[in-house]
């Protein structure tokens, strides 16, 4: 029968890995000539939970600069939000596009 010290010697220590921060992605709305400003504001309020003032500011960035950053999210959340924007736009007959890029 093995002694206590022999058993302790055979125990391997687990390497403790530091948790990594998840990758983050910027979600960006792209301007087009057909989607109404009102619809963009609605999307920003419903999908991204922006208040009217912030949604209007982002919409104006999209309108004036051709694109506007909506927020920074983890991959899964960013993909979900991009898909929701595209679905809402399609359902309402608008060509609004939304992209994500690494932050």
PDB file of N, CA and C in Angstrom:
ATOM      1  N   UNK A   1       0.847  -1.175   0.000  1.00  0.00           N
ATOM      2  CA  UNK A   1       0.000   0.000   0.000  1.00  0.00           C
ATOM      3  C   UNK A   1       0.891   1.237   0.000  1.00  0.00           C
ATOM      4  N   UNK A   2       0.487   2.254  -0.753  1.00  0.00           N
ATOM      5  CA  UNK A   2       1.292   3.472  -0.883  1.00  0.00           C
ATOM      6  C   UNK A   2       1.109   4.347   0.350  1.00  0.00           C
ATOM      7  N   UNK A   3       2.188   5.015   0.697  1.00  0.00           N
ATOM      8  CA  UNK A   3       2.116   5.939   1.831  1.00  0.00           C
ATOM      9  C   UNK A   3       1.571   7.272   1.364  1.00  0.00           C
ATOM     10  N   UNK A   4       1.212   8.104   2.328  1.00  0.00           N
ATOM     11  CA  UNK A   4       0.639   9.416   2.013  1.00  0.00           C
ATOM     12  C   UNK A   4       1.604  10.265   1.193  1.00  0.00           C
ATOM     13  N   UNK A   5       2.887  10.261   1.522  1.00  0.00           N
ATOM     14  CA  UNK A   5       3.860  11.067   0.785  1.00  0.00           C
ATOM     15  C   UNK A   5       4.028  10.559  -0.641  1.00  0.00           C
ATOM     16  N   UNK A   6       3.928   9.258  -0.858  1.00  0.00           N
ATOM     17  CA  UNK A   6       4.024   8.720  -2.215  1.00  0.00           C
ATOM     18  C   UNK A   6       2.815   9.164  -3.049  1.00  0.00           C
ATOM     19  N   UNK A   7       1.627   9.201  -2.450  1.00  0.00           N
ATOM     20  CA  UNK A   7       0.435   9.654  -3.159  1.00  0.00           C
ATOM     21  C   UNK A   7       0.523  11.134  -3.491  1.00  0.00           C
ATOM     22  N   UNK A   8       0.992  11.940  -2.552  1.00  0.00           N
ATOM     23  CA  UNK A   8       1.125  13.385  -2.781  1.00  0.00           C
ATOM     24  C   UNK A   8       2.116  13.679  -3.893  1.00  0.00           C
ATOM     25  N   UNK A   9       3.153  12.880  -3.996  1.00  0.00           N
ATOM     26  CA  UNK A   9       4.171  13.096  -5.020  1.00  0.00           C
ATOM     27  C   UNK A   9       3.611  12.862  -6.417  1.00  0.00           C
ATOM     28  N   UNK A  10       2.594  12.010  -6.528  1.00  0.00           N
ATOM     29  CA  UNK A  10       2.020  11.686  -7.818  1.00  0.00           C
ATOM     30  C   UNK A  10       0.945  12.656  -8.282  1.00  0.00           C
ATOM     31  N   UNK A  11       0.582  13.611  -7.453  1.00  0.00           N
ATOM     32  CA  UNK A  11      -0.477  14.551  -7.804  1.00  0.00           C
ATOM     33  C   UNK A  11       0.094  15.638  -8.717  1.00  0.00           C
ATOM     34  N   UNK A  12      -0.535  15.835  -9.818  1.00  0.00           N
ATOM     35  CA  UNK A  12      -0.115  16.893 -10.735  1.00  0.00           C
ATOM     36  C   UNK A  12      -0.893  18.163 -10.425  1.00  0.00           C
ATOM     37  N   UNK A  13      -0.203  19.257 -10.508  1.00  0.00           N
ATOM     38  CA  UNK A  13      -0.882  20.538 -10.295  1.00  0.00           C
ATOM     39  C   UNK A  13      -1.485  21.001 -11.604  1.00  0.00           C
ATOM     40  N   UNK A  14      -2.696  21.534 -11.513  1.00  0.00           N
ATOM     41  CA  UNK A  14      -3.343  22.089 -12.705  1.00  0.00           C
ATOM     42  C   UNK A  14      -2.744  23.453 -12.993  1.00  0.00           C
ATOM     43  N   UNK A  15      -2.458  23.683 -14.254  1.00  0.00           N
ATOM     44  CA  UNK A  15      -1.978  25.008 -14.649  1.00  0.00           C
ATOM     45  C   UNK A  15      -3.180  25.951 -14.666  1.00  0.00           C
ATOM     46  N   UNK A  16      -3.046  27.052 -13.992  1.00  0.00           N
ATOM     47  CA  UNK A  16      -4.133  28.021 -13.931  1.00  0.00           C
ATOM     48  C   UNK A  16      -3.973  28.980 -15.106  1.00  0.00           C
ATOM     49  N   UNK A  17      -4.979  28.984 -15.978  1.00  0.00           N
ATOM     50  CA  UNK A  17      -4.944  29.880 -17.124  1.00  0.00           C
ATOM     51  C   UNK A  17      -5.697  31.150 -16.786  1.00  0.00           C
ATOM     52  N   UNK A  18      -5.117  32.244 -17.160  1.00  0.00           N
ATOM     53  CA  UNK A  18      -5.793  33.525 -16.967  1.00  0.00           C
ATOM     54  C   UNK A  18      -6.894  33.647 -18.009  1.00  0.00           C
ATOM     55  N   UNK A  19      -8.083  34.031 -17.600  1.00  0.00           N
ATOM     56  CA  UNK A  19      -9.152  34.205 -18.597  1.00  0.00           C
ATOM     57  C   UNK A  19      -8.818  35.349 -19.549  1.00  0.00           C
ATOM     58  N   UNK A  20      -9.104  35.133 -20.818  1.00  0.00           N
ATOM     59  CA  UNK A  20      -8.840  36.153 -21.828  1.00  0.00           C
ATOM     60  C   UNK A  20     -10.066  37.038 -21.988  1.00  0.00           C
ATOM     61  N   UNK A  21      -9.827  38.285 -22.266  1.00  0.00           N
ATOM     62  CA  UNK A  21     -10.923  39.196 -22.578  1.00  0.00           C
ATOM     63  C   UNK A  21     -11.476  38.795 -23.939  1.00  0.00           C
ATOM     64  N   UNK A  22     -12.798  38.787 -24.094  1.00  0.00           N
ATOM     65  CA  UNK A  22     -13.348  38.440 -25.414  1.00  0.00           C
ATOM     66  C   UNK A  22     -13.023  39.522 -26.438  1.00  0.00           C
ATOM     67  N   UNK A  23     -12.876  39.098 -27.689  1.00  0.00           N
ATOM     68  CA  UNK A  23     -12.633  40.068 -28.749  1.00  0.00           C
ATOM     69  C   UNK A  23     -13.843  40.991 -28.872  1.00  0.00           C
ATOM     70  N   UNK A  24     -13.573  42.238 -29.209  1.00  0.00           N
ATOM     71  CA  UNK A  24     -14.661  43.193 -29.363  1.00  0.00           C
ATOM     72  C   UNK A  24     -14.747  43.652 -30.812  1.00  0.00           C
ATOM     73  N   UNK A  25     -15.977  43.985 -31.219  1.00  0.00           N
ATOM     74  CA  UNK A  25     -16.241  44.395 -32.590  1.00  0.00           C
ATOM     75  C   UNK A  25     -17.074  45.670 -32.599  1.00  0.00           C
ATOM     76  N   UNK A  26     -16.694  46.598 -33.490  1.00  0.00           N
ATOM     77  CA  UNK A  26     -17.480  47.811 -33.684  1.00  0.00           C
ATOM     78  C   UNK A  26     -18.608  47.489 -34.654  1.00  0.00           C
ATOM     79  N   UNK A  27     -19.799  47.968 -34.332  1.00  0.00           N
ATOM     80  CA  UNK A  27     -20.940  47.826 -35.237  1.00  0.00           C
ATOM     81  C   UNK A  27     -21.159  49.186 -35.877  1.00  0.00           C
ATOM     82  N   UNK A  28     -21.216  49.206 -37.209  1.00  0.00           N
ATOM     83  CA  UNK A  28     -21.260  50.451 -37.972  1.00  0.00           C
ATOM     84  C   UNK A  28     -22.417  50.416 -38.962  1.00  0.00           C
ATOM     85  N   UNK A  29     -23.209  51.493 -38.973  1.00  0.00           N
ATOM     86  CA  UNK A  29     -24.272  51.650 -39.970  1.00  0.00           C
ATOM     87  C   UNK A  29     -23.696  52.373 -41.178  1.00  0.00           C
ATOM     88  N   UNK A  30     -24.117  51.953 -42.362  1.00  0.00           N
ATOM     89  CA  UNK A  30     -23.646  52.561 -43.613  1.00  0.00           C
ATOM     90  C   UNK A  30     -24.769  53.369 -44.255  1.00  0.00           C
ATOM     91  N   UNK A  31     -24.405  54.491 -44.828  1.00  0.00           N
ATOM     92  CA  UNK A  31     -25.375  55.367 -45.478  1.00  0.00           C
ATOM     93  C   UNK A  31     -25.811  54.795 -46.829  1.00  0.00           C
ATOM     94  N   UNK A  32     -27.030  55.091 -47.200  1.00  0.00           N
ATOM     95  CA  UNK A  32     -27.522  54.807 -48.545  1.00  0.00           C
ATOM     96  C   UNK A  32     -28.482  55.929 -48.924  1.00  0.00           C
ATOM     97  N   UNK A  33     -28.897  55.949 -50.169  1.00  0.00           N
ATOM     98  CA  UNK A  33     -29.749  57.036 -50.657  1.00  0.00           C
ATOM     99  C   UNK A  33     -31.241  56.769 -50.515  1.00  0.00           C
ATOM    100  N   UNK A  34     -31.633  55.660 -49.901  1.00  0.00           N
ATOM    101  CA  UNK A  34     -33.038  55.295 -49.872  1.00  0.00           C
ATOM    102  C   UNK A  34     -33.632  55.161 -48.471  1.00  0.00           C
ATOM    103  N   UNK A  35     -32.847  54.728 -47.507  1.00  0.00           N
ATOM    104  CA  UNK A  35     -33.360  54.538 -46.147  1.00  0.00           C
ATOM    105  C   UNK A  35     -33.635  55.897 -45.518  1.00  0.00           C
ATOM    106  N   UNK A  36     -34.811  56.042 -44.943  1.00  0.00           N
ATOM    107  CA  UNK A  36     -35.172  57.329 -44.354  1.00  0.00           C
ATOM    108  C   UNK A  36     -34.443  57.545 -43.024  1.00  0.00           C
ATOM    109  N   UNK A  37     -34.235  58.809 -42.708  1.00  0.00           N
ATOM    110  CA  UNK A  37     -33.588  59.161 -41.449  1.00  0.00           C
ATOM    111  C   UNK A  37     -34.424  58.674 -40.263  1.00  0.00           C
ATOM    112  N   UNK A  38     -35.735  58.771 -40.402  1.00  0.00           N
ATOM    113  CA  UNK A  38     -36.630  58.342 -39.331  1.00  0.00           C
ATOM    114  C   UNK A  38     -36.485  56.849 -39.048  1.00  0.00           C
ATOM    115  N   UNK A  39     -36.337  56.058 -40.120  1.00  0.00           N
ATOM    116  CA  UNK A  39     -36.174  54.619 -39.931  1.00  0.00           C
ATOM    117  C   UNK A  39     -34.857  54.308 -39.240  1.00  0.00           C
ATOM    118  N   UNK A  40     -33.797  55.007 -39.615  1.00  0.00           N
ATOM    119  CA  UNK A  40     -32.488  54.800 -38.979  1.00  0.00           C
ATOM    120  C   UNK A  40     -32.575  55.109 -37.484  1.00  0.00           C
ATOM    121  N   UNK A  41     -33.243  56.197 -37.133  1.00  0.00           N
ATOM    122  CA  UNK A  41     -33.414  56.554 -35.719  1.00  0.00           C
ATOM    123  C   UNK A  41     -34.202  55.458 -34.999  1.00  0.00           C
ATOM    124  N   UNK A  42     -35.237  54.957 -35.628  1.00  0.00           N
ATOM    125  CA  UNK A  42     -36.030  53.880 -35.031  1.00  0.00           C
ATOM    126  C   UNK A  42     -35.184  52.638 -34.790  1.00  0.00           C
ATOM    127  N   UNK A  43     -34.378  52.253 -35.770  1.00  0.00           N
ATOM    128  CA  UNK A  43     -33.496  51.091 -35.631  1.00  0.00           C
ATOM    129  C   UNK A  43     -32.522  51.306 -34.468  1.00  0.00           C
ATOM    130  N   UNK A  44     -31.957  52.488 -34.402  1.00  0.00           N
ATOM    131  CA  UNK A  44     -30.996  52.769 -33.324  1.00  0.00           C
ATOM    132  C   UNK A  44     -31.651  52.681 -31.952  1.00  0.00           C
ATOM    133  N   UNK A  45     -32.885  53.111 -31.864  1.00  0.00           N
ATOM    134  CA  UNK A  45     -33.587  53.068 -30.583  1.00  0.00           C
ATOM    135  C   UNK A  45     -34.019  51.644 -30.221  1.00  0.00           C
ATOM    136  N   UNK A  46     -34.507  50.882 -31.193  1.00  0.00           N
ATOM    137  CA  UNK A  46     -35.020  49.540 -30.912  1.00  0.00           C
ATOM    138  C   UNK A  46     -33.925  48.478 -30.787  1.00  0.00           C
ATOM    139  N   UNK A  47     -32.970  48.494 -31.685  1.00  0.00           N
ATOM    140  CA  UNK A  47     -31.943  47.449 -31.700  1.00  0.00           C
ATOM    141  C   UNK A  47     -30.801  47.770 -30.739  1.00  0.00           C
ATOM    142  N   UNK A  48     -30.425  49.059 -30.684  1.00  0.00           N
ATOM    143  CA  UNK A  48     -29.241  49.426 -29.902  1.00  0.00           C
ATOM    144  C   UNK A  48     -29.569  50.167 -28.609  1.00  0.00           C
ATOM    145  N   UNK A  49     -30.863  50.352 -28.336  1.00  0.00           N
ATOM    146  CA  UNK A  49     -31.334  50.970 -27.092  1.00  0.00           C
ATOM    147  C   UNK A  49     -30.758  52.367 -26.859  1.00  0.00           C
ATOM    148  N   UNK A  50     -30.677  53.148 -27.926  1.00  0.00           N
ATOM    149  CA  UNK A  50     -30.221  54.539 -27.837  1.00  0.00           C
ATOM    150  C   UNK A  50     -31.424  55.428 -27.549  1.00  0.00           C
ATOM    151  N   UNK A  51     -31.187  56.508 -26.794  1.00  0.00           N
ATOM    152  CA  UNK A  51     -32.273  57.474 -26.601  1.00  0.00           C
ATOM    153  C   UNK A  51     -32.397  58.325 -27.861  1.00  0.00           C
ATOM    154  N   UNK A  52     -33.433  59.120 -27.933  1.00  0.00           N
ATOM    155  CA  UNK A  52     -33.710  59.885 -29.154  1.00  0.00           C
ATOM    156  C   UNK A  52     -32.547  60.793 -29.538  1.00  0.00           C
ATOM    157  N   UNK A  53     -31.950  61.470 -28.565  1.00  0.00           N
ATOM    158  CA  UNK A  53     -30.837  62.374 -28.852  1.00  0.00           C
ATOM    159  C   UNK A  53     -29.624  61.660 -29.414  1.00  0.00           C
ATOM    160  N   UNK A  54     -29.244  60.562 -28.782  1.00  0.00           N
ATOM    161  CA  UNK A  54     -28.082  59.791 -29.246  1.00  0.00           C
ATOM    162  C   UNK A  54     -28.368  59.145 -30.599  1.00  0.00           C
ATOM    163  N   UNK A  55     -29.571  58.624 -30.783  1.00  0.00           N
ATOM    164  CA  UNK A  55     -29.941  58.013 -32.065  1.00  0.00           C
ATOM    165  C   UNK A  55     -29.899  59.051 -33.186  1.00  0.00           C
ATOM    166  N   UNK A  56     -30.365  60.257 -32.903  1.00  0.00           N
ATOM    167  CA  UNK A  56     -30.341  61.326 -33.909  1.00  0.00           C
ATOM    168  C   UNK A  56     -28.903  61.704 -34.255  1.00  0.00           C
ATOM    169  N   UNK A  57     -28.029  61.802 -33.245  1.00  0.00           N
ATOM    170  CA  UNK A  57     -26.628  62.151 -33.488  1.00  0.00           C
ATOM    171  C   UNK A  57     -25.948  61.101 -34.364  1.00  0.00           C
ATOM    172  N   UNK A  58     -26.175  59.822 -34.056  1.00  0.00           N
ATOM    173  CA  UNK A  58     -25.562  58.747 -34.848  1.00  0.00           C
ATOM    174  C   UNK A  58     -26.120  58.768 -36.267  1.00  0.00           C
ATOM    175  N   UNK A  59     -27.436  58.963 -36.396  1.00  0.00           N
ATOM    176  CA  UNK A  59     -28.057  59.009 -37.726  1.00  0.00           C
ATOM    177  C   UNK A  59     -27.438  60.131 -38.563  1.00  0.00           C
ATOM    178  N   UNK A  60     -27.188  61.283 -37.946  1.00  0.00           N
ATOM    179  CA  UNK A  60     -26.579  62.400 -38.677  1.00  0.00           C
ATOM    180  C   UNK A  60     -25.131  62.086 -39.071  1.00  0.00           C
ATOM    181  N   UNK A  61     -24.401  61.365 -38.216  1.00  0.00           N
ATOM    182  CA  UNK A  61     -23.056  60.911 -38.599  1.00  0.00           C
ATOM    183  C   UNK A  61     -23.127  60.017 -39.830  1.00  0.00           C
ATOM    184  N   UNK A  62     -24.072  59.096 -39.820  1.00  0.00           N
ATOM    185  CA  UNK A  62     -24.240  58.190 -40.965  1.00  0.00           C
ATOM    186  C   UNK A  62     -24.566  59.008 -42.214  1.00  0.00           C
ATOM    187  N   UNK A  63     -25.462  59.953 -42.080  1.00  0.00           N
ATOM    188  CA  UNK A  63     -25.901  60.771 -43.219  1.00  0.00           C
ATOM    189  C   UNK A  63     -24.769  61.640 -43.761  1.00  0.00           C
ATOM    190  N   UNK A  64     -24.032  62.276 -42.875  1.00  0.00           N
ATOM    191  CA  UNK A  64     -22.999  63.238 -43.306  1.00  0.00           C
ATOM    192  C   UNK A  64     -21.672  62.581 -43.672  1.00  0.00           C
ATOM    193  N   UNK A  65     -21.295  61.548 -42.959  1.00  0.00           N
ATOM    194  CA  UNK A  65     -19.974  60.945 -43.145  1.00  0.00           C
ATOM    195  C   UNK A  65     -20.010  59.630 -43.920  1.00  0.00           C
ATOM    196  N   UNK A  66     -21.206  59.110 -44.149  1.00  0.00           N
ATOM    197  CA  UNK A  66     -21.320  57.859 -44.882  1.00  0.00           C
ATOM    198  C   UNK A  66     -21.349  56.635 -43.999  1.00  0.00           C
ATOM    199  N   UNK A  67     -21.021  56.808 -42.739  1.00  0.00           N
ATOM    200  CA  UNK A  67     -21.033  55.697 -41.787  1.00  0.00           C
ATOM    201  C   UNK A  67     -21.037  56.254 -40.377  1.00  0.00           C
ATOM    202  N   UNK A  68     -21.544  55.459 -39.450  1.00  0.00           N
ATOM    203  CA  UNK A  68     -21.570  55.894 -38.060  1.00  0.00           C
ATOM    204  C   UNK A  68     -21.458  54.698 -37.134  1.00  0.00           C
ATOM    205  N   UNK A  69     -20.574  54.807 -36.153  1.00  0.00           N
ATOM    206  CA  UNK A  69     -20.388  53.723 -35.203  1.00  0.00           C
ATOM    207  C   UNK A  69     -21.520  53.726 -34.185  1.00  0.00           C
ATOM    208  N   UNK A  70     -22.100  52.566 -33.989  1.00  0.00           N
ATOM    209  CA  UNK A  70     -23.233  52.428 -33.090  1.00  0.00           C
ATOM    210  C   UNK A  70     -22.785  51.946 -31.716  1.00  0.00           C
ATOM    211  N   UNK A  71     -21.785  51.081 -31.665  1.00  0.00           N
ATOM    212  CA  UNK A  71     -21.312  50.572 -30.391  1.00  0.00           C
ATOM    213  C   UNK A  71     -20.253  49.512 -30.578  1.00  0.00           C
ATOM    214  N   UNK A  72     -19.706  49.055 -29.451  1.00  0.00           N
ATOM    215  CA  UNK A  72     -18.693  48.003 -29.442  1.00  0.00           C
ATOM    216  C   UNK A  72     -19.247  46.847 -28.615  1.00  0.00           C
ATOM    217  N   UNK A  73     -19.204  45.644 -29.208  1.00  0.00           N
ATOM    218  CA  UNK A  73     -19.824  44.477 -28.595  1.00  0.00           C
ATOM    219  C   UNK A  73     -18.936  43.254 -28.777  1.00  0.00           C
ATOM    220  N   UNK A  74     -19.216  42.207 -27.999  1.00  0.00           N
ATOM    221  CA  UNK A  74     -18.558  40.930 -28.240  1.00  0.00           C
ATOM    222  C   UNK A  74     -19.091  40.369 -29.556  1.00  0.00           C
ATOM    223  N   UNK A  75     -18.407  39.370 -30.087  1.00  0.00           N
ATOM    224  CA  UNK A  75     -18.737  38.837 -31.408  1.00  0.00           C
ATOM    225  C   UNK A  75     -20.199  38.417 -31.528  1.00  0.00           C
ATOM    226  N   UNK A  76     -20.666  37.593 -30.616  1.00  0.00           N
ATOM    227  CA  UNK A  76     -22.035  37.065 -30.714  1.00  0.00           C
ATOM    228  C   UNK A  76     -23.083  38.174 -30.673  1.00  0.00           C
ATOM    229  N   UNK A  77     -22.884  39.132 -29.807  1.00  0.00           N
ATOM    230  CA  UNK A  77     -23.847  40.236 -29.699  1.00  0.00           C
ATOM    231  C   UNK A  77     -23.790  41.090 -30.956  1.00  0.00           C
ATOM    232  N   UNK A  78     -22.582  41.371 -31.465  1.00  0.00           N
ATOM    233  CA  UNK A  78     -22.447  42.171 -32.687  1.00  0.00           C
ATOM    234  C   UNK A  78     -23.139  41.498 -33.866  1.00  0.00           C
ATOM    235  N   UNK A  79     -22.935  40.202 -34.034  1.00  0.00           N
ATOM    236  CA  UNK A  79     -23.568  39.466 -35.143  1.00  0.00           C
ATOM    237  C   UNK A  79     -25.086  39.523 -35.016  1.00  0.00           C
ATOM    238  N   UNK A  80     -25.580  39.334 -33.810  1.00  0.00           N
ATOM    239  CA  UNK A  80     -27.021  39.364 -33.582  1.00  0.00           C
ATOM    240  C   UNK A  80     -27.599  40.727 -33.941  1.00  0.00           C
ATOM    241  N   UNK A  81     -26.932  41.789 -33.536  1.00  0.00           N
ATOM    242  CA  UNK A  81     -27.429  43.137 -33.821  1.00  0.00           C
ATOM    243  C   UNK A  81     -27.376  43.443 -35.321  1.00  0.00           C
ATOM    244  N   UNK A  82     -26.313  43.058 -35.989  1.00  0.00           N
ATOM    245  CA  UNK A  82     -26.213  43.262 -37.438  1.00  0.00           C
ATOM    246  C   UNK A  82     -27.354  42.517 -38.140  1.00  0.00           C
ATOM    247  N   UNK A  83     -27.595  41.289 -37.739  1.00  0.00           N
ATOM    248  CA  UNK A  83     -28.679  40.511 -38.358  1.00  0.00           C
ATOM    249  C   UNK A  83     -30.050  41.128 -38.087  1.00  0.00           C
ATOM    250  N   UNK A  84     -30.254  41.651 -36.891  1.00  0.00           N
ATOM    251  CA  UNK A  84     -31.533  42.308 -36.576  1.00  0.00           C
ATOM    252  C   UNK A  84     -31.741  43.547 -37.435  1.00  0.00           C
ATOM    253  N   UNK A  85     -30.682  44.346 -37.624  1.00  0.00           N
ATOM    254  CA  UNK A  85     -30.789  45.538 -38.468  1.00  0.00           C
ATOM    255  C   UNK A  85     -31.162  45.138 -39.886  1.00  0.00           C
ATOM    256  N   UNK A  86     -30.484  44.147 -40.425  1.00  0.00           N
ATOM    257  CA  UNK A  86     -30.768  43.711 -41.801  1.00  0.00           C
ATOM    258  C   UNK A  86     -32.187  43.166 -41.930  1.00  0.00           C
ATOM    259  N   UNK A  87     -32.653  42.422 -40.940  1.00  0.00           N
ATOM    260  CA  UNK A  87     -34.011  41.886 -40.979  1.00  0.00           C
ATOM    261  C   UNK A  87     -35.043  43.005 -40.915  1.00  0.00           C
ATOM    262  N   UNK A  88     -34.835  43.979 -40.020  1.00  0.00           N
ATOM    263  CA  UNK A  88     -35.770  45.108 -39.921  1.00  0.00           C
ATOM    264  C   UNK A  88     -35.807  45.898 -41.224  1.00  0.00           C
ATOM    265  N   UNK A  89     -34.629  46.139 -41.796  1.00  0.00           N
ATOM    266  CA  UNK A  89     -34.558  46.901 -43.046  1.00  0.00           C
ATOM    267  C   UNK A  89     -35.283  46.149 -44.162  1.00  0.00           C
ATOM    268  N   UNK A  90     -35.018  44.874 -44.274  1.00  0.00           N
ATOM    269  CA  UNK A  90     -35.657  44.054 -45.318  1.00  0.00           C
ATOM    270  C   UNK A  90     -37.178  44.044 -45.141  1.00  0.00           C
ATOM    271  N   UNK A  91     -37.638  43.872 -43.894  1.00  0.00           N
ATOM    272  CA  UNK A  91     -39.074  43.828 -43.616  1.00  0.00           C
ATOM    273  C   UNK A  91     -39.772  45.148 -43.934  1.00  0.00           C
ATOM    274  N   UNK A  92     -39.016  46.242 -43.886  1.00  0.00           N
ATOM    275  CA  UNK A  92     -39.589  47.566 -44.146  1.00  0.00           C
ATOM    276  C   UNK A  92     -39.235  48.114 -45.525  1.00  0.00           C
ATOM    277  N   UNK A  93     -38.581  47.293 -46.352  1.00  0.00           N
ATOM    278  CA  UNK A  93     -38.289  47.678 -47.730  1.00  0.00           C
ATOM    279  C   UNK A  93     -37.146  48.665 -47.883  1.00  0.00           C
ATOM    280  N   UNK A  94     -36.202  48.660 -46.942  1.00  0.00           N
ATOM    281  CA  UNK A  94     -35.051  49.567 -47.022  1.00  0.00           C
ATOM    282  C   UNK A  94     -33.772  48.767 -47.234  1.00  0.00           C
ATOM    283  N   UNK A  95     -32.788  49.361 -47.927  1.00  0.00           N
ATOM    284  CA  UNK A  95     -31.516  48.668 -48.171  1.00  0.00           C
ATOM    285  C   UNK A  95     -30.453  48.966 -47.100  1.00  0.00           C
ATOM    286  N   UNK A  96     -30.850  49.392 -45.916  1.00  0.00           N
ATOM    287  CA  UNK A  96     -29.896  49.759 -44.868  1.00  0.00           C
ATOM    288  C   UNK A  96     -28.927  48.618 -44.596  1.00  0.00           C
ATOM    289  N   UNK A  97     -27.648  48.934 -44.535  1.00  0.00           N
ATOM    290  CA  UNK A  97     -26.608  47.944 -44.253  1.00  0.00           C
ATOM    291  C   UNK A  97     -25.893  48.298 -42.962  1.00  0.00           C
ATOM    292  N   UNK A  98     -25.474  47.268 -42.297  1.00  0.00           N
ATOM    293  CA  UNK A  98     -24.781  47.379 -41.025  1.00  0.00           C
ATOM    294  C   UNK A  98     -23.618  46.395 -41.089  1.00  0.00           C
ATOM    295  N   UNK A  99     -22.438  46.820 -40.669  1.00  0.00           N
ATOM    296  CA  UNK A  99     -21.277  45.931 -40.700  1.00  0.00           C
ATOM    297  C   UNK A  99     -20.636  45.890 -39.317  1.00  0.00           C
ATOM    298  N   UNK A 100     -19.731  44.944 -39.155  1.00  0.00           N
ATOM    299  CA  UNK A 100     -18.944  44.893 -37.924  1.00  0.00           C
ATOM    300  C   UNK A 100     -17.486  44.723 -38.301  1.00  0.00           C
ATOM    301  N   UNK A 101     -16.618  45.313 -37.489  1.00  0.00           N
ATOM    302  CA  UNK A 101     -15.193  45.190 -37.703  1.00  0.00           C
ATOM    303  C   UNK A 101     -14.511  45.100 -36.346  1.00  0.00           C
ATOM    304  N   UNK A 102     -13.351  44.457 -36.324  1.00  0.00           N
ATOM    305  CA  UNK A 102     -12.637  44.308 -35.055  1.00  0.00           C
ATOM    306  C   UNK A 102     -12.318  45.675 -34.468  1.00  0.00           C
ATOM    307  N   UNK A 103     -12.528  45.777 -33.169  1.00  0.00           N
ATOM    308  CA  UNK A 103     -12.266  47.044 -32.481  1.00  0.00           C
ATOM    309  C   UNK A 103     -10.783  47.201 -32.207  1.00  0.00           C
TER     310      UNK A 103
END
